Amino acid sequence: MKVLLTIVGNAVALYATTRIVPGISWSGSLLGLLLSGAILGLLNLIVRPIAMLLALPFIVLTLGLFYFVMNGLLLLVFSWFMPAYHVHGLLAGILGSLVIMIVNWLIWAVLGPSKR
């Protein structure tokens, strides 16, 4: 259930970025959006921890601000794997990653498992 919620949450967050952030567009189907959510989840599971570990000195040096740049770069890399999802520039990637974080946080806050 958690994996399905993650995939659907990522798909909703990706769609939200296309509506909120100028410079990000989607030109695919609903099934493609769900596939994109799964690929984004895999990217966050495998590549993101390695990238964050390598960028740790820059993250510490910039007091955490480079974390947002890394998330934007990872969203740009994700758009290379998904031809229907277009991120036009690093600033759009950074803003898109912020929207994705907020939407996923809201989804997990509402639908996630309770801590009781």
PDB file of N, CA and C in Angstrom:
ATOM      1  N   MET A   1       0.826  -1.199   0.000  1.00  0.00           N
ATOM      2  CA  MET A   1       0.000   0.000   0.000  1.00  0.00           C
ATOM      3  C   MET A   1       0.864   1.254   0.000  1.00  0.00           C
ATOM      4  N   LYS A   2       1.980   1.213   0.757  1.00  0.00           N
ATOM      5  CA  LYS A   2       2.867   2.370   0.849  1.00  0.00           C
ATOM      6  C   LYS A   2       3.507   2.679  -0.504  1.00  0.00           C
ATOM      7  N   VAL A   3       3.871   1.633  -1.255  1.00  0.00           N
ATOM      8  CA  VAL A   3       4.490   1.831  -2.569  1.00  0.00           C
ATOM      9  C   VAL A   3       3.486   2.454  -3.534  1.00  0.00           C
ATOM     10  N   LEU A   4       2.259   1.974  -3.507  1.00  0.00           N
ATOM     11  CA  LEU A   4       1.218   2.524  -4.382  1.00  0.00           C
ATOM     12  C   LEU A   4       0.930   3.983  -4.039  1.00  0.00           C
ATOM     13  N   LEU A   5       0.891   4.295  -2.749  1.00  0.00           N
ATOM     14  CA  LEU A   5       0.665   5.680  -2.337  1.00  0.00           C
ATOM     15  C   LEU A   5       1.828   6.577  -2.775  1.00  0.00           C
ATOM     16  N   THR A   6       3.042   6.042  -2.718  1.00  0.00           N
ATOM     17  CA  THR A   6       4.202   6.806  -3.163  1.00  0.00           C
ATOM     18  C   THR A   6       4.139   7.093  -4.656  1.00  0.00           C
ATOM     19  N   ILE A   7       3.783   6.085  -5.446  1.00  0.00           N
ATOM     20  CA  ILE A   7       3.698   6.265  -6.899  1.00  0.00           C
ATOM     21  C   ILE A   7       2.612   7.273  -7.259  1.00  0.00           C
ATOM     22  N   VAL A   8       1.445   7.113  -6.678  1.00  0.00           N
ATOM     23  CA  VAL A   8       0.341   8.032  -6.974  1.00  0.00           C
ATOM     24  C   VAL A   8       0.664   9.431  -6.446  1.00  0.00           C
ATOM     25  N   GLY A   9       1.274   9.513  -5.270  1.00  0.00           N
ATOM     26  CA  GLY A   9       1.666  10.815  -4.723  1.00  0.00           C
ATOM     27  C   GLY A   9       2.670  11.522  -5.611  1.00  0.00           C
ATOM     28  N   ASN A  10       3.654  10.773  -6.114  1.00  0.00           N
ATOM     29  CA  ASN A  10       4.632  11.367  -7.024  1.00  0.00           C
ATOM     30  C   ASN A  10       3.972  11.815  -8.322  1.00  0.00           C
ATOM     31  N   ALA A  11       3.035  11.030  -8.829  1.00  0.00           N
ATOM     32  CA  ALA A  11       2.333  11.404 -10.065  1.00  0.00           C
ATOM     33  C   ALA A  11       1.526  12.685  -9.858  1.00  0.00           C
ATOM     34  N   VAL A  12       0.830  12.775  -8.732  1.00  0.00           N
ATOM     35  CA  VAL A  12       0.058  13.986  -8.433  1.00  0.00           C
ATOM     36  C   VAL A  12       0.991  15.176  -8.274  1.00  0.00           C
ATOM     37  N   ALA A  13       2.118  14.967  -7.604  1.00  0.00           N
ATOM     38  CA  ALA A  13       3.081  16.055  -7.406  1.00  0.00           C
ATOM     39  C   ALA A  13       3.691  16.497  -8.734  1.00  0.00           C
ATOM     40  N   LEU A  14       3.987  15.552  -9.616  1.00  0.00           N
ATOM     41  CA  LEU A  14       4.524  15.919 -10.930  1.00  0.00           C
ATOM     42  C   LEU A  14       3.508  16.715 -11.734  1.00  0.00           C
ATOM     43  N   TYR A  15       2.251  16.301 -11.663  1.00  0.00           N
ATOM     44  CA  TYR A  15       1.209  17.047 -12.371  1.00  0.00           C
ATOM     45  C   TYR A  15       1.044  18.448 -11.771  1.00  0.00           C
ATOM     46  N   ALA A  16       1.152  18.544 -10.447  1.00  0.00           N
ATOM     47  CA  ALA A  16       1.032  19.854  -9.797  1.00  0.00           C
ATOM     48  C   ALA A  16       2.143  20.792 -10.248  1.00  0.00           C
ATOM     49  N   THR A  17       3.340  20.245 -10.466  1.00  0.00           N
ATOM     50  CA  THR A  17       4.433  21.107 -10.917  1.00  0.00           C
ATOM     51  C   THR A  17       4.146  21.690 -12.288  1.00  0.00           C
ATOM     52  N   THR A  18       3.479  20.909 -13.143  1.00  0.00           N
ATOM     53  CA  THR A  18       3.180  21.428 -14.483  1.00  0.00           C
ATOM     54  C   THR A  18       2.142  22.543 -14.428  1.00  0.00           C
ATOM     55  N   ARG A  19       1.314  22.547 -13.403  1.00  0.00           N
ATOM     56  CA  ARG A  19       0.288  23.573 -13.275  1.00  0.00           C
ATOM     57  C   ARG A  19       0.774  24.810 -12.528  1.00  0.00           C
ATOM     58  N   ILE A  20       1.751  24.638 -11.637  1.00  0.00           N
ATOM     59  CA  ILE A  20       2.177  25.733 -10.769  1.00  0.00           C
ATOM     60  C   ILE A  20       3.445  26.412 -11.277  1.00  0.00           C
ATOM     61  N   VAL A  21       4.411  25.616 -11.734  1.00  0.00           N
ATOM     62  CA  VAL A  21       5.731  26.151 -12.065  1.00  0.00           C
ATOM     63  C   VAL A  21       5.823  26.447 -13.559  1.00  0.00           C
ATOM     64  N   PRO A  22       6.085  27.694 -13.917  1.00  0.00           N
ATOM     65  CA  PRO A  22       6.332  27.968 -15.334  1.00  0.00           C
ATOM     66  C   PRO A  22       7.687  27.373 -15.725  1.00  0.00           C
ATOM     67  N   GLY A  23       7.748  26.767 -16.885  1.00  0.00           N
ATOM     68  CA  GLY A  23       8.984  26.141 -17.322  1.00  0.00           C
ATOM     69  C   GLY A  23       8.972  24.634 -17.166  1.00  0.00           C
ATOM     70  N   ILE A  24       7.889  24.085 -16.625  1.00  0.00           N
ATOM     71  CA  ILE A  24       7.732  22.638 -16.535  1.00  0.00           C
ATOM     72  C   ILE A  24       6.446  22.277 -17.254  1.00  0.00           C
ATOM     73  N   SER A  25       6.548  21.298 -18.152  1.00  0.00           N
ATOM     74  CA  SER A  25       5.364  20.897 -18.922  1.00  0.00           C
ATOM     75  C   SER A  25       5.284  19.379 -19.019  1.00  0.00           C
ATOM     76  N   TRP A  26       4.088  18.909 -19.275  1.00  0.00           N
ATOM     77  CA  TRP A  26       3.803  17.478 -19.421  1.00  0.00           C
ATOM     78  C   TRP A  26       3.014  17.288 -20.704  1.00  0.00           C
ATOM     79  N   SER A  27       3.420  16.317 -21.522  1.00  0.00           N
ATOM     80  CA  SER A  27       2.703  16.067 -22.777  1.00  0.00           C
ATOM     81  C   SER A  27       2.448  14.574 -22.953  1.00  0.00           C
ATOM     82  N   GLY A  28       1.929  13.944 -21.916  1.00  0.00           N
ATOM     83  CA  GLY A  28       1.689  12.509 -21.980  1.00  0.00           C
ATOM     84  C   GLY A  28       0.322  12.154 -21.442  1.00  0.00           C
ATOM     85  N   SER A  29       0.130  10.859 -21.219  1.00  0.00           N
ATOM     86  CA  SER A  29      -1.154  10.341 -20.754  1.00  0.00           C
ATOM     87  C   SER A  29      -1.125  10.133 -19.236  1.00  0.00           C
ATOM     88  N   LEU A  30      -2.256   9.724 -18.688  1.00  0.00           N
ATOM     89  CA  LEU A  30      -2.352   9.437 -17.261  1.00  0.00           C
ATOM     90  C   LEU A  30      -1.484   8.238 -16.894  1.00  0.00           C
ATOM     91  N   LEU A  31      -1.469   7.227 -17.732  1.00  0.00           N
ATOM     92  CA  LEU A  31      -0.624   6.058 -17.484  1.00  0.00           C
ATOM     93  C   LEU A  31       0.853   6.448 -17.498  1.00  0.00           C
ATOM     94  N   GLY A  32       1.222   7.322 -18.415  1.00  0.00           N
ATOM     95  CA  GLY A  32       2.593   7.820 -18.458  1.00  0.00           C
ATOM     96  C   GLY A  32       2.941   8.615 -17.216  1.00  0.00           C
ATOM     97  N   LEU A  33       1.966   9.333 -16.676  1.00  0.00           N
ATOM     98  CA  LEU A  33       2.192  10.094 -15.454  1.00  0.00           C
ATOM     99  C   LEU A  33       2.414   9.160 -14.270  1.00  0.00           C
ATOM    100  N   LEU A  34       1.662   8.066 -14.213  1.00  0.00           N
ATOM    101  CA  LEU A  34       1.868   7.086 -13.148  1.00  0.00           C
ATOM    102  C   LEU A  34       3.226   6.399 -13.294  1.00  0.00           C
ATOM    103  N   LEU A  35       3.626   6.109 -14.532  1.00  0.00           N
ATOM    104  CA  LEU A  35       4.953   5.543 -14.773  1.00  0.00           C
ATOM    105  C   LEU A  35       6.035   6.542 -14.350  1.00  0.00           C
ATOM    106  N   SER A  36       5.810   7.808 -14.620  1.00  0.00           N
ATOM    107  CA  SER A  36       6.746   8.845 -14.199  1.00  0.00           C
ATOM    108  C   SER A  36       6.852   8.908 -12.678  1.00  0.00           C
ATOM    109  N   GLY A  37       5.728   8.730 -12.004  1.00  0.00           N
ATOM    110  CA  GLY A  37       5.743   8.704 -10.543  1.00  0.00           C
ATOM    111  C   GLY A  37       6.565   7.546 -10.012  1.00  0.00           C
ATOM    112  N   ALA A  38       6.467   6.392 -10.670  1.00  0.00           N
ATOM    113  CA  ALA A  38       7.261   5.233 -10.254  1.00  0.00           C
ATOM    114  C   ALA A  38       8.748   5.466 -10.512  1.00  0.00           C
ATOM    115  N   ILE A  39       9.073   6.038 -11.659  1.00  0.00           N
ATOM    116  CA  ILE A  39      10.481   6.294 -11.983  1.00  0.00           C
ATOM    117  C   ILE A  39      11.061   7.357 -11.048  1.00  0.00           C
ATOM    118  N   LEU A  40      10.286   8.381 -10.719  1.00  0.00           N
ATOM    119  CA  LEU A  40      10.758   9.386  -9.773  1.00  0.00           C
ATOM    120  C   LEU A  40      11.006   8.754  -8.405  1.00  0.00           C
ATOM    121  N   GLY A  41      10.142   7.847  -8.000  1.00  0.00           N
ATOM    122  CA  GLY A  41      10.343   7.142  -6.733  1.00  0.00           C
ATOM    123  C   GLY A  41      11.621   6.319  -6.736  1.00  0.00           C
ATOM    124  N   LEU A  42      11.896   5.623  -7.844  1.00  0.00           N
ATOM    125  CA  LEU A  42      13.135   4.848  -7.945  1.00  0.00           C
ATOM    126  C   LEU A  42      14.354   5.758  -7.952  1.00  0.00           C
ATOM    127  N   LEU A  43      14.259   6.868  -8.650  1.00  0.00           N
ATOM    128  CA  LEU A  43      15.363   7.823  -8.681  1.00  0.00           C
ATOM    129  C   LEU A  43      15.647   8.363  -7.276  1.00  0.00           C
ATOM    130  N   ASN A  44      14.590   8.680  -6.537  1.00  0.00           N
ATOM    131  CA  ASN A  44      14.758   9.170  -5.170  1.00  0.00           C
ATOM    132  C   ASN A  44      15.286   8.089  -4.238  1.00  0.00           C
ATOM    133  N   LEU A  45      14.971   6.842  -4.534  1.00  0.00           N
ATOM    134  CA  LEU A  45      15.403   5.739  -3.694  1.00  0.00           C
ATOM    135  C   LEU A  45      16.859   5.367  -3.935  1.00  0.00           C
ATOM    136  N   ILE A  46      17.312   5.426  -5.183  1.00  0.00           N
ATOM    137  CA  ILE A  46      18.640   4.928  -5.531  1.00  0.00           C
ATOM    138  C   ILE A  46      19.645   6.056  -5.729  1.00  0.00           C
ATOM    139  N   VAL A  47      19.347   7.001  -6.598  1.00  0.00           N
ATOM    140  CA  VAL A  47      20.321   8.014  -6.993  1.00  0.00           C
ATOM    141  C   VAL A  47      20.433   9.143  -5.967  1.00  0.00           C
ATOM    142  N   ARG A  48      19.320   9.563  -5.403  1.00  0.00           N
ATOM    143  CA  ARG A  48      19.307  10.726  -4.521  1.00  0.00           C
ATOM    144  C   ARG A  48      20.224  10.583  -3.309  1.00  0.00           C
ATOM    145  N   PRO A  49      20.220   9.449  -2.590  1.00  0.00           N
ATOM    146  CA  PRO A  49      21.130   9.351  -1.437  1.00  0.00           C
ATOM    147  C   PRO A  49      22.607   9.445  -1.830  1.00  0.00           C
ATOM    148  N   ILE A  50      22.962   8.864  -2.963  1.00  0.00           N
ATOM    149  CA  ILE A  50      24.347   8.927  -3.430  1.00  0.00           C
ATOM    150  C   ILE A  50      24.715  10.362  -3.797  1.00  0.00           C
ATOM    151  N   ALA A  51      23.830  11.032  -4.518  1.00  0.00           N
ATOM    152  CA  ALA A  51      24.091  12.420  -4.914  1.00  0.00           C
ATOM    153  C   ALA A  51      24.191  13.333  -3.694  1.00  0.00           C
ATOM    154  N   MET A  52      23.323  13.120  -2.713  1.00  0.00           N
ATOM    155  CA  MET A  52      23.360  13.956  -1.513  1.00  0.00           C
ATOM    156  C   MET A  52      24.632  13.693  -0.702  1.00  0.00           C
ATOM    157  N   LEU A  53      25.086  12.468  -0.660  1.00  0.00           N
ATOM    158  CA  LEU A  53      26.329  12.162   0.045  1.00  0.00           C
ATOM    159  C   LEU A  53      27.519  12.837  -0.628  1.00  0.00           C
ATOM    160  N   LEU A  54      27.542  12.812  -1.959  1.00  0.00           N
ATOM    161  CA  LEU A  54      28.631  13.467  -2.685  1.00  0.00           C
ATOM    162  C   LEU A  54      28.575  14.991  -2.544  1.00  0.00           C
ATOM    163  N   ALA A  55      27.381  15.518  -2.422  1.00  0.00           N
ATOM    164  CA  ALA A  55      27.213  16.974  -2.310  1.00  0.00           C
ATOM    165  C   ALA A  55      27.240  17.463  -0.868  1.00  0.00           C
ATOM    166  N   LEU A  56      27.442  16.579   0.079  1.00  0.00           N
ATOM    167  CA  LEU A  56      27.384  16.950   1.488  1.00  0.00           C
ATOM    168  C   LEU A  56      28.315  18.109   1.862  1.00  0.00           C
ATOM    169  N   PRO A  57      29.549  18.159   1.362  1.00  0.00           N
ATOM    170  CA  PRO A  57      30.377  19.324   1.714  1.00  0.00           C
ATOM    171  C   PRO A  57      29.776  20.655   1.251  1.00  0.00           C
ATOM    172  N   PHE A  58      29.177  20.670   0.057  1.00  0.00           N
ATOM    173  CA  PHE A  58      28.560  21.900  -0.444  1.00  0.00           C
ATOM    174  C   PHE A  58      27.291  22.244   0.346  1.00  0.00           C
ATOM    175  N   ILE A  59      26.563  21.215   0.752  1.00  0.00           N
ATOM    176  CA  ILE A  59      25.355  21.440   1.543  1.00  0.00           C
ATOM    177  C   ILE A  59      25.718  22.053   2.892  1.00  0.00           C
ATOM    178  N   VAL A  60      26.761  21.532   3.516  1.00  0.00           N
ATOM    179  CA  VAL A  60      27.202  22.074   4.800  1.00  0.00           C
ATOM    180  C   VAL A  60      27.761  23.486   4.620  1.00  0.00           C
ATOM    181  N   LEU A  61      28.556  23.678   3.579  1.00  0.00           N
ATOM    182  CA  LEU A  61      29.180  24.980   3.334  1.00  0.00           C
ATOM    183  C   LEU A  61      28.150  26.081   3.090  1.00  0.00           C
ATOM    184  N   THR A  62      27.055  25.737   2.402  1.00  0.00           N
ATOM    185  CA  THR A  62      26.021  26.732   2.093  1.00  0.00           C
ATOM    186  C   THR A  62      24.881  26.722   3.107  1.00  0.00           C
ATOM    187  N   LEU A  63      25.102  26.053   4.225  1.00  0.00           N
ATOM    188  CA  LEU A  63      24.102  25.954   5.295  1.00  0.00           C
ATOM    189  C   LEU A  63      22.777  25.359   4.804  1.00  0.00           C
ATOM    190  N   GLY A  64      22.859  24.401   3.915  1.00  0.00           N
ATOM    191  CA  GLY A  64      21.691  23.673   3.450  1.00  0.00           C
ATOM    192  C   GLY A  64      21.061  24.190   2.172  1.00  0.00           C
ATOM    193  N   LEU A  65      21.484  25.336   1.686  1.00  0.00           N
ATOM    194  CA  LEU A  65      20.856  25.896   0.486  1.00  0.00           C
ATOM    195  C   LEU A  65      21.182  25.085  -0.764  1.00  0.00           C
ATOM    196  N   PHE A  66      22.345  24.435  -0.788  1.00  0.00           N
ATOM    197  CA  PHE A  66      22.706  23.632  -1.951  1.00  0.00           C
ATOM    198  C   PHE A  66      21.813  22.400  -2.077  1.00  0.00           C
ATOM    199  N   TYR A  67      21.139  22.032  -0.991  1.00  0.00           N
ATOM    200  CA  TYR A  67      20.179  20.926  -1.012  1.00  0.00           C
ATOM    201  C   TYR A  67      19.082  21.188  -2.050  1.00  0.00           C
ATOM    202  N   PHE A  68      18.617  22.418  -2.122  1.00  0.00           N
ATOM    203  CA  PHE A  68      17.579  22.768  -3.092  1.00  0.00           C
ATOM    204  C   PHE A  68      18.118  22.694  -4.520  1.00  0.00           C
ATOM    205  N   VAL A  69      19.364  23.101  -4.707  1.00  0.00           N
ATOM    206  CA  VAL A  69      19.982  23.004  -6.030  1.00  0.00           C
ATOM    207  C   VAL A  69      20.122  21.541  -6.437  1.00  0.00           C
ATOM    208  N   MET A  70      20.510  20.686  -5.505  1.00  0.00           N
ATOM    209  CA  MET A  70      20.636  19.250  -5.813  1.00  0.00           C
ATOM    210  C   MET A  70      19.285  18.652  -6.193  1.00  0.00           C
ATOM    211  N   ASN A  71      18.232  19.027  -5.479  1.00  0.00           N
ATOM    212  CA  ASN A  71      16.897  18.531  -5.829  1.00  0.00           C
ATOM    213  C   ASN A  71      16.485  19.007  -7.213  1.00  0.00           C
ATOM    214  N   GLY A  72      16.805  20.255  -7.543  1.00  0.00           N
ATOM    215  CA  GLY A  72      16.507  20.776  -8.878  1.00  0.00           C
ATOM    216  C   GLY A  72      17.283  20.048  -9.953  1.00  0.00           C
ATOM    217  N   LEU A  73      18.547  19.758  -9.690  1.00  0.00           N
ATOM    218  CA  LEU A  73      19.350  18.997 -10.650  1.00  0.00           C
ATOM    219  C   LEU A  73      18.809  17.581 -10.835  1.00  0.00           C
ATOM    220  N   LEU A  74      18.376  16.961  -9.749  1.00  0.00           N
ATOM    221  CA  LEU A  74      17.803  15.616  -9.862  1.00  0.00           C
ATOM    222  C   LEU A  74      16.494  15.638 -10.652  1.00  0.00           C
ATOM    223  N   LEU A  75      15.719  16.699 -10.522  1.00  0.00           N
ATOM    224  CA  LEU A  75      14.502  16.811 -11.327  1.00  0.00           C
ATOM    225  C   LEU A  75      14.842  17.009 -12.803  1.00  0.00           C
ATOM    226  N   LEU A  76      15.914  17.747 -13.082  1.00  0.00           N
ATOM    227  CA  LEU A  76      16.387  17.882 -14.469  1.00  0.00           C
ATOM    228  C   LEU A  76      16.830  16.530 -15.028  1.00  0.00           C
ATOM    229  N   VAL A  77      17.565  15.762 -14.237  1.00  0.00           N
ATOM    230  CA  VAL A  77      17.998  14.430 -14.666  1.00  0.00           C
ATOM    231  C   VAL A  77      16.789  13.537 -14.901  1.00  0.00           C
ATOM    232  N   PHE A  78      15.794  13.634 -14.028  1.00  0.00           N
ATOM    233  CA  PHE A  78      14.566  12.865 -14.206  1.00  0.00           C
ATOM    234  C   PHE A  78      13.888  13.209 -15.527  1.00  0.00           C
ATOM    235  N   SER A  79      13.894  14.486 -15.902  1.00  0.00           N
ATOM    236  CA  SER A  79      13.236  14.885 -17.144  1.00  0.00           C
ATOM    237  C   SER A  79      13.957  14.331 -18.373  1.00  0.00           C
ATOM    238  N   TRP A  80      15.249  13.992 -18.245  1.00  0.00           N
ATOM    239  CA  TRP A  80      15.956  13.352 -19.359  1.00  0.00           C
ATOM    240  C   TRP A  80      15.448  11.936 -19.586  1.00  0.00           C
ATOM    241  N   PHE A  81      15.029  11.257 -18.509  1.00  0.00           N
ATOM    242  CA  PHE A  81      14.535   9.892 -18.626  1.00  0.00           C
ATOM    243  C   PHE A  81      13.078   9.835 -19.074  1.00  0.00           C
ATOM    244  N   MET A  82      12.334  10.903 -18.836  1.00  0.00           N
ATOM    245  CA  MET A  82      10.926  10.950 -19.209  1.00  0.00           C
ATOM    246  C   MET A  82      10.729  12.019 -20.284  1.00  0.00           C
ATOM    247  N   PRO A  83      10.676  11.606 -21.543  1.00  0.00           N
ATOM    248  CA  PRO A  83      10.588  12.600 -22.615  1.00  0.00           C
ATOM    249  C   PRO A  83       9.290  13.410 -22.613  1.00  0.00           C
ATOM    250  N   ALA A  84       8.247  12.933 -21.959  1.00  0.00           N
ATOM    251  CA  ALA A  84       6.991  13.688 -21.928  1.00  0.00           C
ATOM    252  C   ALA A  84       6.994  14.754 -20.843  1.00  0.00           C
ATOM    253  N   TYR A  85       7.949  14.692 -19.929  1.00  0.00           N
ATOM    254  CA  TYR A  85       8.051  15.653 -18.830  1.00  0.00           C
ATOM    255  C   TYR A  85       9.240  16.555 -19.117  1.00  0.00           C
ATOM    256  N   HIS A  86       8.978  17.844 -19.289  1.00  0.00           N
ATOM    257  CA  HIS A  86      10.025  18.783 -19.698  1.00  0.00           C
ATOM    258  C   HIS A  86      10.290  19.797 -18.591  1.00  0.00           C
ATOM    259  N   VAL A  87      11.551  19.887 -18.191  1.00  0.00           N
ATOM    260  CA  VAL A  87      11.980  20.906 -17.232  1.00  0.00           C
ATOM    261  C   VAL A  87      12.929  21.820 -17.986  1.00  0.00           C
ATOM    262  N   HIS A  88      12.569  23.079 -18.082  1.00  0.00           N
ATOM    263  CA  HIS A  88      13.334  24.048 -18.869  1.00  0.00           C
ATOM    264  C   HIS A  88      14.173  24.932 -17.949  1.00  0.00           C
ATOM    265  N   GLY A  89      15.312  24.413 -17.512  1.00  0.00           N
ATOM    266  CA  GLY A  89      16.235  25.214 -16.723  1.00  0.00           C
ATOM    267  C   GLY A  89      16.310  24.802 -15.264  1.00  0.00           C
ATOM    268  N   LEU A  90      17.386  25.228 -14.636  1.00  0.00           N
ATOM    269  CA  LEU A  90      17.640  24.873 -13.243  1.00  0.00           C
ATOM    270  C   LEU A  90      16.663  25.549 -12.291  1.00  0.00           C
ATOM    271  N   LEU A  91      16.313  26.796 -12.552  1.00  0.00           N
ATOM    272  CA  LEU A  91      15.368  27.486 -11.671  1.00  0.00           C
ATOM    273  C   LEU A  91      14.008  26.791 -11.666  1.00  0.00           C
ATOM    274  N   ALA A  92      13.544  26.377 -12.832  1.00  0.00           N
ATOM    275  CA  ALA A  92      12.287  25.619 -12.896  1.00  0.00           C
ATOM    276  C   ALA A  92      12.424  24.296 -12.154  1.00  0.00           C
ATOM    277  N   GLY A  93      13.589  23.667 -12.245  1.00  0.00           N
ATOM    278  CA  GLY A  93      13.824  22.424 -11.524  1.00  0.00           C
ATOM    279  C   GLY A  93      13.798  22.618 -10.020  1.00  0.00           C
ATOM    280  N   ILE A  94      14.398  23.712  -9.544  1.00  0.00           N
ATOM    281  CA  ILE A  94      14.408  23.985  -8.109  1.00  0.00           C
ATOM    282  C   ILE A  94      12.993  24.268  -7.614  1.00  0.00           C
ATOM    283  N   LEU A  95      12.260  25.113  -8.333  1.00  0.00           N
ATOM    284  CA  LEU A  95      10.877  25.414  -7.934  1.00  0.00           C
ATOM    285  C   LEU A  95       9.999  24.166  -8.023  1.00  0.00           C
ATOM    286  N   GLY A  96      10.222  23.358  -9.061  1.00  0.00           N
ATOM    287  CA  GLY A  96       9.461  22.120  -9.207  1.00  0.00           C
ATOM    288  C   GLY A  96       9.736  21.143  -8.078  1.00  0.00           C
ATOM    289  N   SER A  97      10.994  21.050  -7.651  1.00  0.00           N
ATOM    290  CA  SER A  97      11.303  20.144  -6.546  1.00  0.00           C
ATOM    291  C   SER A  97      10.672  20.633  -5.245  1.00  0.00           C
ATOM    292  N   LEU A  98      10.582  21.947  -5.065  1.00  0.00           N
ATOM    293  CA  LEU A  98       9.885  22.482  -3.886  1.00  0.00           C
ATOM    294  C   LEU A  98       8.400  22.126  -3.908  1.00  0.00           C
ATOM    295  N   VAL A  99       7.774  22.247  -5.075  1.00  0.00           N
ATOM    296  CA  VAL A  99       6.362  21.896  -5.195  1.00  0.00           C
ATOM    297  C   VAL A  99       6.169  20.403  -4.936  1.00  0.00           C
ATOM    298  N   ILE A 100       7.057  19.576  -5.475  1.00  0.00           N
ATOM    299  CA  ILE A 100       6.954  18.132  -5.265  1.00  0.00           C
ATOM    300  C   ILE A 100       7.084  17.792  -3.779  1.00  0.00           C
ATOM    301  N   MET A 101       8.028  18.435  -3.095  1.00  0.00           N
ATOM    302  CA  MET A 101       8.190  18.186  -1.654  1.00  0.00           C
ATOM    303  C   MET A 101       6.940  18.575  -0.880  1.00  0.00           C
ATOM    304  N   ILE A 102       6.371  19.732  -1.200  1.00  0.00           N
ATOM    305  CA  ILE A 102       5.190  20.197  -0.475  1.00  0.00           C
ATOM    306  C   ILE A 102       3.987  19.297  -0.744  1.00  0.00           C
ATOM    307  N   VAL A 103       3.758  18.947  -2.009  1.00  0.00           N
ATOM    308  CA  VAL A 103       2.611  18.092  -2.349  1.00  0.00           C
ATOM    309  C   VAL A 103       2.763  16.723  -1.706  1.00  0.00           C
ATOM    310  N   ASN A 104       3.955  16.132  -1.772  1.00  0.00           N
ATOM    311  CA  ASN A 104       4.154  14.820  -1.143  1.00  0.00           C
ATOM    312  C   ASN A 104       3.987  14.902   0.369  1.00  0.00           C
ATOM    313  N   TRP A 105       4.444  15.983   0.980  1.00  0.00           N
ATOM    314  CA  TRP A 105       4.263  16.148   2.414  1.00  0.00           C
ATOM    315  C   TRP A 105       2.774  16.223   2.766  1.00  0.00           C
ATOM    316  N   LEU A 106       2.018  16.989   1.975  1.00  0.00           N
ATOM    317  CA  LEU A 106       0.580  17.101   2.231  1.00  0.00           C
ATOM    318  C   LEU A 106      -0.127  15.754   2.064  1.00  0.00           C
ATOM    319  N   ILE A 107       0.238  15.011   1.023  1.00  0.00           N
ATOM    320  CA  ILE A 107      -0.391  13.706   0.793  1.00  0.00           C
ATOM    321  C   ILE A 107      -0.086  12.756   1.937  1.00  0.00           C
ATOM    322  N   TRP A 108       1.169  12.717   2.377  1.00  0.00           N
ATOM    323  CA  TRP A 108       1.537  11.817   3.475  1.00  0.00           C
ATOM    324  C   TRP A 108       0.933  12.282   4.799  1.00  0.00           C
ATOM    325  N   ALA A 109       0.753  13.579   4.967  1.00  0.00           N
ATOM    326  CA  ALA A 109       0.140  14.074   6.201  1.00  0.00           C
ATOM    327  C   ALA A 109      -1.334  13.681   6.275  1.00  0.00           C
ATOM    328  N   VAL A 110      -1.999  13.654   5.121  1.00  0.00           N
ATOM    329  CA  VAL A 110      -3.425  13.331   5.102  1.00  0.00           C
ATOM    330  C   VAL A 110      -3.659  11.825   5.014  1.00  0.00           C
ATOM    331  N   LEU A 111      -2.958  11.142   4.116  1.00  0.00           N
ATOM    332  CA  LEU A 111      -3.242   9.742   3.834  1.00  0.00           C
ATOM    333  C   LEU A 111      -2.236   8.750   4.395  1.00  0.00           C
ATOM    334  N   GLY A 112      -1.144   9.249   4.928  1.00  0.00           N
ATOM    335  CA  GLY A 112      -0.092   8.362   5.422  1.00  0.00           C
ATOM    336  C   GLY A 112      -0.529   7.589   6.658  1.00  0.00           C
ATOM    337  N   PRO A 113       0.260   6.565   6.986  1.00  0.00           N
ATOM    338  CA  PRO A 113      -0.083   5.769   8.169  1.00  0.00           C
ATOM    339  C   PRO A 113       0.053   6.599   9.444  1.00  0.00           C
ATOM    340  N   SER A 114      -0.846   6.359  10.368  1.00  0.00           N
ATOM    341  CA  SER A 114      -0.813   7.121  11.621  1.00  0.00           C
ATOM    342  C   SER A 114       0.319   6.595  12.508  1.00  0.00           C
ATOM    343  N   LYS A 115       0.820   7.427  13.368  1.00  0.00           N
ATOM    344  CA  LYS A 115       1.931   7.080  14.255  1.00  0.00           C
ATOM    345  C   LYS A 115       1.461   6.536  15.597  1.00  0.00           C
ATOM    346  N   ARG A 116       0.189   6.285  15.742  1.00  0.00           N
ATOM    347  CA  ARG A 116      -0.355   5.834  17.037  1.00  0.00           C
ATOM    348  C   ARG A 116      -0.105   4.394  17.273  1.00  0.00           C
TER     349      ARG A 116
END
